[in-house]
Amino acid sequence: MIREDMLARLIAQASSDGTEMVTLRAIVEESSELGASRVIARLGLGDANAQNDIDELRELLRAWRDAKASAWKAAVEWVVRGVLALLLIGIAVRIGAPGLLK
């Protein structure tokens, strides 16, 4: 049975017989499944290759996150190296190392 037909019959039953909890639950379940199916179809994930597409997107996202984390790590390492180099130059100037080189 098609989901739209099932939902229409449940709504007709609810309006004619009154609303019982079982009928309301069935309406909610059928409408949720129908809505989810429509969303999946609109996103283009209703075909057989959808799982492969999702897997590839997750892999791409994981690679992006790894690259971003390693870029931040490299940037922090370079900043720390620069600060340490400036500190060493400052210490060398303070103790008079440039005079020793002359």
N, C-alpha and C. Protein backbone atom coordinates (compact mmCIF):
# COMPACT_ATOMS: atom_id res chain seq x y z
N MET A 1 0.84 -1.17 0.00
CA MET A 1 0.00 0.00 0.00
C MET A 1 0.89 1.25 0.00
N ILE A 2 0.49 2.22 -0.75
CA ILE A 2 1.25 3.46 -0.84
C ILE A 2 1.06 4.26 0.44
N ARG A 3 2.13 4.90 0.88
CA ARG A 3 2.10 5.64 2.15
C ARG A 3 1.06 6.77 2.14
N GLU A 4 0.91 7.45 1.00
CA GLU A 4 -0.07 8.53 0.93
C GLU A 4 -1.49 7.99 1.14
N ASP A 5 -1.75 6.81 0.54
CA ASP A 5 -3.06 6.19 0.70
C ASP A 5 -3.30 5.76 2.14
N MET A 6 -2.27 5.18 2.76
CA MET A 6 -2.39 4.75 4.15
C MET A 6 -2.66 5.94 5.05
N LEU A 7 -1.96 7.01 4.84
CA LEU A 7 -2.15 8.21 5.66
C LEU A 7 -3.55 8.78 5.45
N ALA A 8 -4.01 8.82 4.21
CA ALA A 8 -5.36 9.34 3.92
C ALA A 8 -6.43 8.47 4.60
N ARG A 9 -6.26 7.16 4.57
CA ARG A 9 -7.23 6.26 5.21
C ARG A 9 -7.23 6.43 6.73
N LEU A 10 -6.03 6.59 7.31
CA LEU A 10 -5.96 6.78 8.76
C LEU A 10 -6.62 8.09 9.18
N ILE A 11 -6.42 9.13 8.40
CA ILE A 11 -7.04 10.42 8.72
C ILE A 11 -8.57 10.32 8.57
N ALA A 12 -9.03 9.63 7.53
CA ALA A 12 -10.47 9.42 7.35
C ALA A 12 -11.05 8.63 8.50
N GLN A 13 -10.32 7.61 8.94
CA GLN A 13 -10.78 6.80 10.07
C GLN A 13 -10.84 7.63 11.33
N ALA A 14 -9.85 8.47 11.55
CA ALA A 14 -9.82 9.30 12.75
C ALA A 14 -10.97 10.30 12.75
N SER A 15 -11.30 10.84 11.58
CA SER A 15 -12.38 11.83 11.53
C SER A 15 -13.76 11.18 11.65
N SER A 16 -13.88 9.95 11.15
CA SER A 16 -15.20 9.31 11.22
C SER A 16 -15.44 8.59 12.54
N ASP A 17 -14.43 7.88 13.04
CA ASP A 17 -14.60 7.08 14.26
C ASP A 17 -14.22 7.82 15.52
N GLY A 18 -13.69 9.00 15.39
CA GLY A 18 -13.13 9.65 16.56
C GLY A 18 -11.66 9.29 16.65
N THR A 19 -10.98 9.95 17.49
CA THR A 19 -9.53 9.72 17.54
C THR A 19 -9.17 8.88 18.75
N GLU A 20 -8.71 7.69 18.48
CA GLU A 20 -8.17 6.83 19.52
C GLU A 20 -6.65 6.98 19.50
N MET A 21 -6.00 6.62 20.58
CA MET A 21 -4.56 6.76 20.69
C MET A 21 -3.83 5.94 19.64
N VAL A 22 -4.34 4.75 19.34
CA VAL A 22 -3.71 3.90 18.33
C VAL A 22 -3.78 4.56 16.96
N THR A 23 -4.92 5.15 16.66
CA THR A 23 -5.08 5.83 15.37
C THR A 23 -4.15 7.03 15.27
N LEU A 24 -4.08 7.80 16.34
CA LEU A 24 -3.18 8.97 16.34
C LEU A 24 -1.72 8.55 16.17
N ARG A 25 -1.33 7.51 16.86
CA ARG A 25 0.05 7.02 16.72
C ARG A 25 0.33 6.55 15.30
N ALA A 26 -0.62 5.87 14.71
CA ALA A 26 -0.44 5.40 13.34
C ALA A 26 -0.35 6.57 12.38
N ILE A 27 -1.16 7.62 12.60
CA ILE A 27 -1.09 8.81 11.74
C ILE A 27 0.27 9.47 11.88
N VAL A 28 0.74 9.63 13.09
CA VAL A 28 2.04 10.26 13.31
C VAL A 28 3.15 9.43 12.67
N GLU A 29 3.10 8.12 12.85
CA GLU A 29 4.13 7.27 12.28
C GLU A 29 4.14 7.31 10.75
N GLU A 30 2.97 7.21 10.16
CA GLU A 30 2.89 7.23 8.70
C GLU A 30 3.31 8.58 8.13
N SER A 31 2.87 9.66 8.77
CA SER A 31 3.25 10.99 8.26
C SER A 31 4.73 11.25 8.45
N SER A 32 5.32 10.74 9.52
CA SER A 32 6.77 10.88 9.73
C SER A 32 7.55 10.14 8.66
N GLU A 33 7.13 8.92 8.39
CA GLU A 33 7.83 8.13 7.36
C GLU A 33 7.66 8.75 5.98
N LEU A 34 6.47 9.27 5.70
CA LEU A 34 6.24 9.92 4.41
C LEU A 34 7.10 11.17 4.28
N GLY A 35 7.16 11.97 5.34
CA GLY A 35 8.00 13.17 5.32
C GLY A 35 9.46 12.84 5.18
N ALA A 36 9.92 11.83 5.90
CA ALA A 36 11.33 11.43 5.80
C ALA A 36 11.66 10.94 4.40
N SER A 37 10.76 10.20 3.79
CA SER A 37 10.98 9.72 2.42
C SER A 37 11.06 10.89 1.44
N ARG A 38 10.21 11.89 1.62
CA ARG A 38 10.25 13.06 0.75
C ARG A 38 11.55 13.84 0.91
N VAL A 39 11.99 14.00 2.14
CA VAL A 39 13.24 14.73 2.38
C VAL A 39 14.42 13.99 1.76
N ILE A 40 14.47 12.70 1.94
CA ILE A 40 15.56 11.90 1.37
C ILE A 40 15.55 12.02 -0.15
N ALA A 41 14.36 11.97 -0.75
CA ALA A 41 14.26 12.09 -2.21
C ALA A 41 14.70 13.48 -2.67
N ARG A 42 14.30 14.52 -1.94
CA ARG A 42 14.68 15.89 -2.33
C ARG A 42 16.17 16.14 -2.18
N LEU A 43 16.79 15.48 -1.23
CA LEU A 43 18.24 15.61 -1.06
C LEU A 43 19.02 14.80 -2.08
N GLY A 44 18.33 13.99 -2.83
CA GLY A 44 18.99 13.16 -3.83
C GLY A 44 19.63 11.92 -3.24
N LEU A 45 19.14 11.51 -2.09
CA LEU A 45 19.71 10.34 -1.43
C LEU A 45 18.78 9.13 -1.47
N GLY A 46 17.88 9.13 -2.43
CA GLY A 46 16.94 8.04 -2.52
C GLY A 46 17.37 6.90 -3.43
N ASP A 47 18.53 7.04 -4.07
CA ASP A 47 18.96 6.00 -5.00
C ASP A 47 19.86 4.97 -4.30
N ALA A 48 20.29 3.99 -5.07
CA ALA A 48 21.09 2.89 -4.51
C ALA A 48 22.51 3.34 -4.13
N ASN A 49 23.01 4.39 -4.75
CA ASN A 49 24.37 4.86 -4.46
C ASN A 49 24.43 5.85 -3.31
N ALA A 50 23.32 6.09 -2.66
CA ALA A 50 23.27 7.10 -1.60
C ALA A 50 24.22 6.75 -0.45
N GLN A 51 24.28 5.49 -0.06
CA GLN A 51 25.15 5.11 1.06
C GLN A 51 26.61 5.36 0.71
N ASN A 52 26.99 5.05 -0.53
CA ASN A 52 28.37 5.32 -0.96
C ASN A 52 28.66 6.82 -0.96
N ASP A 53 27.68 7.62 -1.39
CA ASP A 53 27.86 9.07 -1.38
C ASP A 53 28.05 9.59 0.04
N ILE A 54 27.24 9.11 0.96
CA ILE A 54 27.36 9.53 2.37
C ILE A 54 28.71 9.11 2.93
N ASP A 55 29.14 7.90 2.62
CA ASP A 55 30.45 7.43 3.10
C ASP A 55 31.58 8.30 2.57
N GLU A 56 31.50 8.67 1.29
CA GLU A 56 32.53 9.52 0.70
C GLU A 56 32.52 10.92 1.33
N LEU A 57 31.33 11.44 1.59
CA LEU A 57 31.25 12.75 2.24
C LEU A 57 31.82 12.72 3.65
N ARG A 58 31.55 11.64 4.37
CA ARG A 58 32.11 11.51 5.73
C ARG A 58 33.63 11.41 5.68
N GLU A 59 34.13 10.65 4.72
CA GLU A 59 35.58 10.52 4.57
C GLU A 59 36.22 11.86 4.22
N LEU A 60 35.57 12.60 3.33
CA LEU A 60 36.06 13.93 2.96
C LEU A 60 36.05 14.88 4.15
N LEU A 61 34.98 14.83 4.93
CA LEU A 61 34.88 15.68 6.12
C LEU A 61 35.95 15.31 7.14
N ARG A 62 36.20 14.02 7.33
CA ARG A 62 37.23 13.58 8.26
C ARG A 62 38.61 14.05 7.80
N ALA A 63 38.87 13.96 6.50
CA ALA A 63 40.15 14.43 5.96
C ALA A 63 40.30 15.93 6.13
N TRP A 64 39.21 16.68 5.92
CA TRP A 64 39.24 18.13 6.12
C TRP A 64 39.55 18.47 7.57
N ARG A 65 38.94 17.77 8.49
CA ARG A 65 39.19 18.03 9.91
C ARG A 65 40.62 17.70 10.29
N ASP A 66 41.14 16.60 9.76
CA ASP A 66 42.53 16.23 10.03
C ASP A 66 43.48 17.27 9.47
N ALA A 67 43.22 17.74 8.25
CA ALA A 67 44.08 18.75 7.63
C ALA A 67 44.03 20.06 8.41
N LYS A 68 42.84 20.43 8.85
CA LYS A 68 42.69 21.67 9.62
C LYS A 68 43.44 21.58 10.95
N ALA A 69 43.33 20.43 11.61
CA ALA A 69 44.02 20.25 12.88
C ALA A 69 45.54 20.28 12.69
N SER A 70 46.03 19.63 11.65
CA SER A 70 47.48 19.63 11.43
C SER A 70 47.98 21.02 11.01
N ALA A 71 47.16 21.78 10.30
CA ALA A 71 47.55 23.15 9.93
C ALA A 71 47.65 24.03 11.17
N TRP A 72 46.70 23.91 12.07
CA TRP A 72 46.77 24.68 13.32
C TRP A 72 47.99 24.27 14.14
N LYS A 73 48.25 22.99 14.19
CA LYS A 73 49.40 22.50 14.95
C LYS A 73 50.69 23.05 14.35
N ALA A 74 50.81 23.03 13.04
CA ALA A 74 52.02 23.56 12.39
C ALA A 74 52.15 25.06 12.63
N ALA A 75 51.04 25.78 12.58
CA ALA A 75 51.09 27.23 12.81
C ALA A 75 51.55 27.53 14.24
N VAL A 76 51.05 26.80 15.19
CA VAL A 76 51.45 27.01 16.59
C VAL A 76 52.92 26.67 16.77
N GLU A 77 53.38 25.58 16.15
CA GLU A 77 54.80 25.22 16.24
C GLU A 77 55.69 26.33 15.67
N TRP A 78 55.30 26.92 14.53
CA TRP A 78 56.10 27.99 13.94
C TRP A 78 56.10 29.24 14.82
N VAL A 79 54.98 29.55 15.42
CA VAL A 79 54.94 30.71 16.32
C VAL A 79 55.84 30.48 17.52
N VAL A 80 55.79 29.29 18.09
CA VAL A 80 56.63 28.97 19.24
C VAL A 80 58.10 29.04 18.85
N ARG A 81 58.46 28.50 17.71
CA ARG A 81 59.85 28.57 17.24
C ARG A 81 60.30 30.01 17.05
N GLY A 82 59.41 30.84 16.48
CA GLY A 82 59.75 32.25 16.28
C GLY A 82 59.98 32.98 17.60
N VAL A 83 59.11 32.72 18.56
CA VAL A 83 59.26 33.35 19.88
C VAL A 83 60.56 32.89 20.54
N LEU A 84 60.85 31.60 20.46
CA LEU A 84 62.10 31.10 21.05
C LEU A 84 63.33 31.68 20.35
N ALA A 85 63.28 31.83 19.03
CA ALA A 85 64.40 32.42 18.30
C ALA A 85 64.60 33.87 18.72
N LEU A 86 63.51 34.63 18.85
CA LEU A 86 63.62 36.01 19.31
C LEU A 86 64.16 36.08 20.73
N LEU A 87 63.76 35.16 21.55
CA LEU A 87 64.27 35.11 22.93
C LEU A 87 65.76 34.83 22.95
N LEU A 88 66.20 33.89 22.13
CA LEU A 88 67.64 33.59 22.05
C LEU A 88 68.43 34.78 21.50
N ILE A 89 67.90 35.47 20.51
CA ILE A 89 68.58 36.66 19.97
C ILE A 89 68.65 37.73 21.03
N GLY A 90 67.57 37.92 21.78
CA GLY A 90 67.57 38.91 22.86
C GLY A 90 68.59 38.58 23.94
N ILE A 91 68.69 37.32 24.29
CA ILE A 91 69.68 36.91 25.30
C ILE A 91 71.09 37.14 24.77
N ALA A 92 71.32 36.79 23.50
CA ALA A 92 72.64 36.96 22.90
C ALA A 92 73.03 38.44 22.87
N VAL A 93 72.11 39.31 22.52
CA VAL A 93 72.39 40.75 22.50
C VAL A 93 72.63 41.24 23.91
N ARG A 94 71.90 40.75 24.87
CA ARG A 94 72.01 41.20 26.26
C ARG A 94 73.36 40.82 26.86
N ILE A 95 73.88 39.65 26.51
CA ILE A 95 75.17 39.25 27.09
C ILE A 95 76.35 39.75 26.26
N GLY A 96 76.07 40.41 25.16
CA GLY A 96 77.13 41.01 24.37
C GLY A 96 77.75 40.10 23.34
N ALA A 97 77.01 39.13 22.85
CA ALA A 97 77.53 38.22 21.84
C ALA A 97 77.92 38.91 20.55
N PRO A 98 77.21 39.99 20.09
CA PRO A 98 77.65 40.64 18.86
C PRO A 98 79.05 41.25 19.01
N GLY A 99 79.41 41.71 20.19
CA GLY A 99 80.75 42.25 20.42
C GLY A 99 81.81 41.17 20.34
N LEU A 100 81.46 39.96 20.70
CA LEU A 100 82.42 38.84 20.65
C LEU A 100 82.70 38.42 19.21
N LEU A 101 81.78 38.69 18.32
CA LEU A 101 81.95 38.29 16.93
C LEU A 101 82.88 39.25 16.17
N LYS A 102 83.13 40.44 16.70
CA LYS A 102 83.97 41.43 16.01
C LYS A 102 85.41 41.15 16.16
